[in-house]
Amino acid sequence: MAPRLAPEIPASEEYLALRIAAGLSAMSPEGAAVGLPASWYSVCVRDGDALIGMGRVVGDGGLFLWVVDIAVAPSWQGQGWGRRIMQALMDEVHARACPRTMVGLIADGTADQLYAKFGFRRVDPASQGMLLRL
């Protein structure tokens, strides 16, 4: 059976594990327990019961949204799952977000090439992304 993509919030443990497996930074179990249920929208890709991909949108739903946690397990990368995850997230953003909502993300590595296909553009040099990690 082929993997399936569906609206779903991942469980904390599998979320934390997939972030690490996909090369994203580690997050805390405490943060995952609080943050995941507060997702504005979330999708998971599962092969059977195994989480092999995910993506979330977080924010206030009216003024600002952020695309986060786009992750695909290494053995499934290069098969278009990242694009499918982004498509599902952006379909929901276009369907539910208010007019003029600012939708942002931080692109790691060469991920900007994927995000550009969905209309995202660099903001530098006029603006610079900034991050504070606690």
N, C-alpha and C. Protein backbone atom coordinates (compact mmCIF):
# COMPACT_ATOMS: atom_id res chain seq x y z
N MET A 1 0.84 -1.18 0.00
CA MET A 1 0.00 0.00 0.00
C MET A 1 0.89 1.24 0.00
N ALA A 2 0.50 2.24 -0.76
CA ALA A 2 1.27 3.49 -0.86
C ALA A 2 1.09 4.32 0.40
N PRO A 3 2.09 5.11 0.75
CA PRO A 3 1.94 6.03 1.89
C PRO A 3 0.76 6.98 1.66
N ARG A 4 0.18 7.45 2.75
CA ARG A 4 -0.96 8.35 2.66
C ARG A 4 -0.67 9.65 3.40
N LEU A 5 -1.14 10.74 2.83
CA LEU A 5 -1.01 12.07 3.42
C LEU A 5 -2.40 12.47 3.91
N ALA A 6 -2.48 12.89 5.17
CA ALA A 6 -3.78 13.27 5.72
C ALA A 6 -3.60 14.37 6.76
N PRO A 7 -4.65 15.17 6.98
CA PRO A 7 -4.60 16.16 8.06
C PRO A 7 -4.51 15.43 9.39
N GLU A 8 -3.46 15.72 10.14
CA GLU A 8 -3.23 15.03 11.41
C GLU A 8 -2.10 15.74 12.14
N ILE A 9 -2.20 15.80 13.44
CA ILE A 9 -1.10 16.30 14.26
C ILE A 9 -0.32 15.09 14.75
N PRO A 10 1.00 15.06 14.53
CA PRO A 10 1.76 13.89 14.97
C PRO A 10 1.86 13.83 16.49
N ALA A 11 2.06 12.63 17.01
CA ALA A 11 2.32 12.46 18.44
C ALA A 11 3.69 13.06 18.74
N SER A 12 3.87 13.55 19.94
CA SER A 12 5.12 14.23 20.33
C SER A 12 6.35 13.39 20.06
N GLU A 13 6.33 12.13 20.46
CA GLU A 13 7.52 11.28 20.32
C GLU A 13 7.91 11.08 18.86
N GLU A 14 6.94 10.82 18.01
CA GLU A 14 7.26 10.59 16.60
C GLU A 14 7.66 11.90 15.91
N TYR A 15 7.06 13.00 16.34
CA TYR A 15 7.44 14.32 15.82
C TYR A 15 8.91 14.60 16.12
N LEU A 16 9.29 14.43 17.38
CA LEU A 16 10.68 14.68 17.79
C LEU A 16 11.64 13.78 17.03
N ALA A 17 11.30 12.52 16.87
CA ALA A 17 12.17 11.57 16.17
C ALA A 17 12.31 11.91 14.69
N LEU A 18 11.21 12.28 14.03
CA LEU A 18 11.29 12.60 12.60
C LEU A 18 12.09 13.86 12.36
N ARG A 19 11.96 14.86 13.22
CA ARG A 19 12.77 16.07 13.06
C ARG A 19 14.26 15.71 13.03
N ILE A 20 14.69 14.89 13.98
CA ILE A 20 16.10 14.50 14.04
C ILE A 20 16.50 13.68 12.81
N ALA A 21 15.67 12.69 12.47
CA ALA A 21 15.97 11.83 11.32
C ALA A 21 16.09 12.63 10.03
N ALA A 22 15.26 13.66 9.89
CA ALA A 22 15.25 14.46 8.66
C ALA A 22 16.32 15.56 8.65
N GLY A 23 17.10 15.67 9.74
CA GLY A 23 18.17 16.65 9.79
C GLY A 23 17.76 18.00 10.34
N LEU A 24 16.59 18.09 10.93
CA LEU A 24 16.16 19.34 11.55
C LEU A 24 16.69 19.39 12.99
N SER A 25 16.62 20.55 13.60
CA SER A 25 17.13 20.72 14.96
C SER A 25 16.24 19.98 15.96
N ALA A 26 16.85 19.63 17.09
CA ALA A 26 16.12 18.96 18.16
C ALA A 26 15.21 19.96 18.86
N MET A 27 14.07 19.50 19.28
CA MET A 27 13.13 20.29 20.07
C MET A 27 12.90 19.54 21.37
N SER A 28 12.32 20.24 22.34
CA SER A 28 12.11 19.62 23.65
C SER A 28 10.77 18.88 23.70
N PRO A 29 10.70 17.80 24.47
CA PRO A 29 9.41 17.13 24.66
C PRO A 29 8.37 18.06 25.28
N GLU A 30 8.81 18.95 26.18
CA GLU A 30 7.89 19.89 26.80
C GLU A 30 7.30 20.85 25.76
N GLY A 31 8.16 21.33 24.89
CA GLY A 31 7.70 22.24 23.83
C GLY A 31 6.76 21.54 22.86
N ALA A 32 7.07 20.29 22.50
CA ALA A 32 6.20 19.55 21.59
C ALA A 32 4.83 19.31 22.21
N ALA A 33 4.80 19.01 23.50
CA ALA A 33 3.53 18.75 24.18
C ALA A 33 2.64 19.98 24.17
N VAL A 34 3.22 21.16 24.27
CA VAL A 34 2.45 22.40 24.27
C VAL A 34 2.16 22.86 22.83
N GLY A 35 3.17 22.81 21.97
CA GLY A 35 3.06 23.40 20.64
C GLY A 35 2.25 22.61 19.63
N LEU A 36 2.39 21.29 19.61
CA LEU A 36 1.71 20.51 18.59
C LEU A 36 0.19 20.67 18.62
N PRO A 37 -0.45 20.60 19.78
CA PRO A 37 -1.91 20.78 19.79
C PRO A 37 -2.37 22.18 19.35
N ALA A 38 -1.46 23.15 19.39
CA ALA A 38 -1.80 24.52 19.01
C ALA A 38 -1.60 24.77 17.51
N SER A 39 -1.30 23.74 16.74
CA SER A 39 -1.10 23.90 15.30
C SER A 39 -2.35 24.48 14.65
N TRP A 40 -2.15 25.41 13.72
CA TRP A 40 -3.26 25.96 12.94
C TRP A 40 -3.72 24.92 11.93
N TYR A 41 -2.74 24.19 11.35
CA TYR A 41 -3.01 23.09 10.43
C TYR A 41 -1.80 22.19 10.40
N SER A 42 -2.03 20.92 10.28
CA SER A 42 -0.93 19.96 10.28
C SER A 42 -1.27 18.77 9.40
N VAL A 43 -0.28 18.27 8.69
CA VAL A 43 -0.46 17.05 7.90
C VAL A 43 0.65 16.06 8.25
N CYS A 44 0.30 14.80 8.12
CA CYS A 44 1.27 13.72 8.31
C CYS A 44 1.23 12.81 7.09
N VAL A 45 2.37 12.24 6.75
CA VAL A 45 2.46 11.20 5.73
C VAL A 45 2.83 9.93 6.48
N ARG A 46 2.05 8.88 6.29
CA ARG A 46 2.28 7.62 6.98
C ARG A 46 2.41 6.48 5.99
N ASP A 47 3.36 5.62 6.29
CA ASP A 47 3.51 4.34 5.61
C ASP A 47 3.06 3.31 6.63
N GLY A 48 1.82 2.85 6.50
CA GLY A 48 1.22 2.06 7.57
C GLY A 48 1.02 2.98 8.77
N ASP A 49 1.59 2.61 9.91
CA ASP A 49 1.50 3.45 11.10
C ASP A 49 2.72 4.35 11.27
N ALA A 50 3.76 4.13 10.46
CA ALA A 50 5.02 4.87 10.62
C ALA A 50 4.92 6.27 10.02
N LEU A 51 5.30 7.27 10.82
CA LEU A 51 5.35 8.65 10.34
C LEU A 51 6.59 8.81 9.46
N ILE A 52 6.38 9.13 8.17
CA ILE A 52 7.50 9.31 7.25
C ILE A 52 7.61 10.74 6.73
N GLY A 53 6.62 11.57 7.03
CA GLY A 53 6.66 12.96 6.59
C GLY A 53 5.65 13.78 7.37
N MET A 54 5.91 15.08 7.45
CA MET A 54 4.99 15.96 8.17
C MET A 54 5.24 17.40 7.76
N GLY A 55 4.28 18.24 8.10
CA GLY A 55 4.40 19.67 7.93
C GLY A 55 3.29 20.34 8.72
N ARG A 56 3.58 21.55 9.20
CA ARG A 56 2.60 22.26 10.00
C ARG A 56 2.56 23.72 9.60
N VAL A 57 1.44 24.36 9.92
CA VAL A 57 1.30 25.81 9.84
C VAL A 57 0.90 26.25 11.25
N VAL A 58 1.59 27.26 11.74
CA VAL A 58 1.30 27.80 13.07
C VAL A 58 1.06 29.30 12.92
N GLY A 59 0.39 29.89 13.90
CA GLY A 59 0.17 31.33 13.87
C GLY A 59 -1.20 31.69 14.39
N ASP A 60 -1.56 32.95 14.20
CA ASP A 60 -2.82 33.44 14.75
C ASP A 60 -4.00 33.24 13.80
N GLY A 61 -3.73 32.85 12.57
CA GLY A 61 -4.79 32.55 11.62
C GLY A 61 -5.43 33.75 10.96
N GLY A 62 -5.07 34.94 11.38
CA GLY A 62 -5.67 36.13 10.80
C GLY A 62 -4.66 37.09 10.21
N LEU A 63 -3.56 37.25 10.92
CA LEU A 63 -2.54 38.21 10.49
C LEU A 63 -1.25 37.54 10.05
N PHE A 64 -0.82 36.54 10.81
CA PHE A 64 0.48 35.91 10.55
C PHE A 64 0.38 34.40 10.65
N LEU A 65 0.97 33.72 9.69
CA LEU A 65 1.10 32.27 9.70
C LEU A 65 2.55 31.92 9.36
N TRP A 66 3.03 30.82 9.92
CA TRP A 66 4.38 30.33 9.63
C TRP A 66 4.30 28.87 9.22
N VAL A 67 4.96 28.54 8.13
CA VAL A 67 5.11 27.16 7.69
C VAL A 67 6.33 26.60 8.42
N VAL A 68 6.13 25.49 9.15
CA VAL A 68 7.20 24.90 9.95
C VAL A 68 7.18 23.38 9.83
N ASP A 69 8.26 22.78 10.28
CA ASP A 69 8.34 21.32 10.44
C ASP A 69 8.14 20.53 9.15
N ILE A 70 8.55 21.08 8.03
CA ILE A 70 8.51 20.28 6.80
C ILE A 70 9.64 19.27 6.90
N ALA A 71 9.27 18.00 7.04
CA ALA A 71 10.27 16.96 7.26
C ALA A 71 9.83 15.67 6.57
N VAL A 72 10.79 15.01 5.94
CA VAL A 72 10.56 13.71 5.30
C VAL A 72 11.69 12.79 5.73
N ALA A 73 11.35 11.58 6.13
CA ALA A 73 12.35 10.60 6.54
C ALA A 73 13.34 10.38 5.40
N PRO A 74 14.62 10.23 5.71
CA PRO A 74 15.64 10.12 4.66
C PRO A 74 15.35 9.07 3.58
N SER A 75 14.83 7.92 3.95
CA SER A 75 14.58 6.88 2.94
C SER A 75 13.43 7.22 2.00
N TRP A 76 12.67 8.25 2.32
CA TRP A 76 11.55 8.68 1.48
C TRP A 76 11.82 10.01 0.78
N GLN A 77 12.97 10.61 1.02
CA GLN A 77 13.30 11.88 0.38
C GLN A 77 13.55 11.68 -1.11
N GLY A 78 13.33 12.73 -1.88
CA GLY A 78 13.55 12.67 -3.32
C GLY A 78 12.41 12.01 -4.08
N GLN A 79 11.29 11.76 -3.42
CA GLN A 79 10.15 11.12 -4.07
C GLN A 79 8.93 12.04 -4.17
N GLY A 80 9.14 13.33 -3.90
CA GLY A 80 8.07 14.30 -4.06
C GLY A 80 7.21 14.51 -2.83
N TRP A 81 7.56 13.90 -1.70
CA TRP A 81 6.73 14.06 -0.51
C TRP A 81 6.80 15.47 0.07
N GLY A 82 7.95 16.10 0.01
CA GLY A 82 8.05 17.48 0.48
C GLY A 82 7.13 18.40 -0.30
N ARG A 83 7.10 18.23 -1.60
CA ARG A 83 6.21 19.03 -2.46
C ARG A 83 4.75 18.75 -2.12
N ARG A 84 4.39 17.49 -1.91
CA ARG A 84 3.01 17.15 -1.59
C ARG A 84 2.59 17.71 -0.23
N ILE A 85 3.50 17.66 0.72
CA ILE A 85 3.22 18.24 2.04
C ILE A 85 2.97 19.74 1.90
N MET A 86 3.88 20.43 1.20
CA MET A 86 3.71 21.88 1.00
C MET A 86 2.42 22.18 0.26
N GLN A 87 2.07 21.40 -0.73
CA GLN A 87 0.84 21.64 -1.48
C GLN A 87 -0.37 21.53 -0.56
N ALA A 88 -0.40 20.52 0.30
CA ALA A 88 -1.52 20.36 1.22
C ALA A 88 -1.60 21.54 2.19
N LEU A 89 -0.46 21.97 2.71
CA LEU A 89 -0.45 23.12 3.62
C LEU A 89 -0.92 24.38 2.92
N MET A 90 -0.40 24.63 1.73
CA MET A 90 -0.75 25.86 1.03
C MET A 90 -2.19 25.84 0.54
N ASP A 91 -2.72 24.68 0.20
CA ASP A 91 -4.15 24.60 -0.16
C ASP A 91 -5.00 25.07 1.01
N GLU A 92 -4.63 24.63 2.23
CA GLU A 92 -5.38 25.04 3.42
C GLU A 92 -5.20 26.53 3.71
N VAL A 93 -3.99 27.03 3.55
CA VAL A 93 -3.73 28.45 3.76
C VAL A 93 -4.60 29.28 2.81
N HIS A 94 -4.61 28.93 1.53
CA HIS A 94 -5.39 29.69 0.56
C HIS A 94 -6.89 29.56 0.81
N ALA A 95 -7.32 28.44 1.37
CA ALA A 95 -8.75 28.24 1.62
C ALA A 95 -9.22 28.98 2.88
N ARG A 96 -8.38 29.08 3.91
CA ARG A 96 -8.85 29.57 5.21
C ARG A 96 -8.27 30.88 5.69
N ALA A 97 -7.10 31.25 5.22
CA ALA A 97 -6.45 32.45 5.75
C ALA A 97 -7.17 33.71 5.28
N CYS A 98 -7.13 34.71 6.13
CA CYS A 98 -7.74 36.00 5.82
C CYS A 98 -6.95 36.70 4.71
N PRO A 99 -7.62 37.61 3.97
CA PRO A 99 -6.89 38.40 2.97
C PRO A 99 -5.73 39.15 3.62
N ARG A 100 -4.63 39.21 2.93
CA ARG A 100 -3.42 39.93 3.31
C ARG A 100 -2.68 39.31 4.50
N THR A 101 -3.04 38.08 4.88
CA THR A 101 -2.27 37.38 5.90
C THR A 101 -0.83 37.24 5.42
N MET A 102 0.11 37.50 6.30
CA MET A 102 1.53 37.30 5.97
C MET A 102 1.89 35.86 6.32
N VAL A 103 2.39 35.13 5.34
CA VAL A 103 2.78 33.74 5.53
C VAL A 103 4.29 33.66 5.36
N GLY A 104 4.97 33.21 6.39
CA GLY A 104 6.42 33.17 6.36
C GLY A 104 6.96 31.78 6.62
N LEU A 105 8.25 31.64 6.40
CA LEU A 105 8.97 30.41 6.71
C LEU A 105 10.45 30.71 6.70
N ILE A 106 11.21 29.80 7.25
CA ILE A 106 12.67 29.87 7.19
C ILE A 106 13.12 28.68 6.36
N ALA A 107 13.84 28.96 5.27
CA ALA A 107 14.30 27.90 4.38
C ALA A 107 15.73 27.51 4.73
N ASP A 108 15.92 26.23 5.02
CA ASP A 108 17.25 25.69 5.28
C ASP A 108 17.85 25.13 4.00
N GLY A 109 19.15 25.28 3.85
CA GLY A 109 19.84 24.69 2.70
C GLY A 109 19.26 25.16 1.39
N THR A 110 18.91 24.20 0.55
CA THR A 110 18.35 24.51 -0.77
C THR A 110 16.83 24.42 -0.79
N ALA A 111 16.19 24.35 0.38
CA ALA A 111 14.73 24.25 0.44
C ALA A 111 14.05 25.46 -0.17
N ASP A 112 14.76 26.59 -0.28
CA ASP A 112 14.15 27.77 -0.88
C ASP A 112 13.68 27.50 -2.30
N GLN A 113 14.31 26.55 -2.99
CA GLN A 113 13.90 26.21 -4.35
C GLN A 113 12.50 25.59 -4.37
N LEU A 114 12.21 24.76 -3.38
CA LEU A 114 10.87 24.19 -3.26
C LEU A 114 9.86 25.27 -2.91
N TYR A 115 10.19 26.09 -1.92
CA TYR A 115 9.24 27.09 -1.44
C TYR A 115 8.96 28.15 -2.50
N ALA A 116 9.92 28.45 -3.34
CA ALA A 116 9.70 29.42 -4.43
C ALA A 116 8.60 28.95 -5.37
N LYS A 117 8.45 27.64 -5.53
CA LYS A 117 7.39 27.10 -6.40
C LYS A 117 6.00 27.40 -5.85
N PHE A 118 5.92 27.75 -4.58
CA PHE A 118 4.64 28.07 -3.96
C PHE A 118 4.47 29.56 -3.74
N GLY A 119 5.33 30.37 -4.36
CA GLY A 119 5.19 31.82 -4.33
C GLY A 119 6.01 32.53 -3.26
N PHE A 120 6.77 31.81 -2.46
CA PHE A 120 7.60 32.46 -1.44
C PHE A 120 8.80 33.11 -2.10
N ARG A 121 9.16 34.28 -1.61
CA ARG A 121 10.29 35.04 -2.14
C ARG A 121 11.19 35.47 -0.99
N ARG A 122 12.47 35.58 -1.29
CA ARG A 122 13.42 36.08 -0.29
C ARG A 122 13.06 37.52 0.06
N VAL A 123 13.34 37.90 1.28
CA VAL A 123 13.03 39.26 1.72
C VAL A 123 14.28 40.12 1.86
N ASP A 124 15.46 39.50 1.79
CA ASP A 124 16.68 40.29 1.91
C ASP A 124 16.98 40.98 0.58
N PRO A 125 17.62 42.10 0.55
CA PRO A 125 18.26 42.79 1.65
C PRO A 125 17.34 43.77 2.40
N ALA A 126 16.10 43.94 1.93
CA ALA A 126 15.21 44.91 2.59
C ALA A 126 14.89 44.49 4.03
N SER A 127 14.79 43.20 4.27
CA SER A 127 14.53 42.67 5.60
C SER A 127 15.47 41.51 5.87
N GLN A 128 15.69 41.21 7.12
CA GLN A 128 16.54 40.10 7.49
C GLN A 128 15.78 39.21 8.47
N GLY A 129 15.86 37.90 8.26
CA GLY A 129 15.27 36.98 9.21
C GLY A 129 16.12 36.94 10.47
N MET A 130 15.46 36.84 11.61
CA MET A 130 16.15 36.78 12.88
C MET A 130 15.50 35.69 13.72
N LEU A 131 16.29 35.09 14.61
CA LEU A 131 15.81 33.98 15.42
C LEU A 131 16.46 34.04 16.78
N LEU A 132 15.69 33.79 17.82
CA LEU A 132 16.19 33.65 19.18
C LEU A 132 15.83 32.26 19.64
N ARG A 133 16.82 31.43 19.93
CA ARG A 133 16.57 30.07 20.42
C ARG A 133 16.76 30.07 21.93
N LEU A 134 15.76 29.66 22.68
CA LEU A 134 15.85 29.58 24.14
C LEU A 134 16.43 28.24 24.57
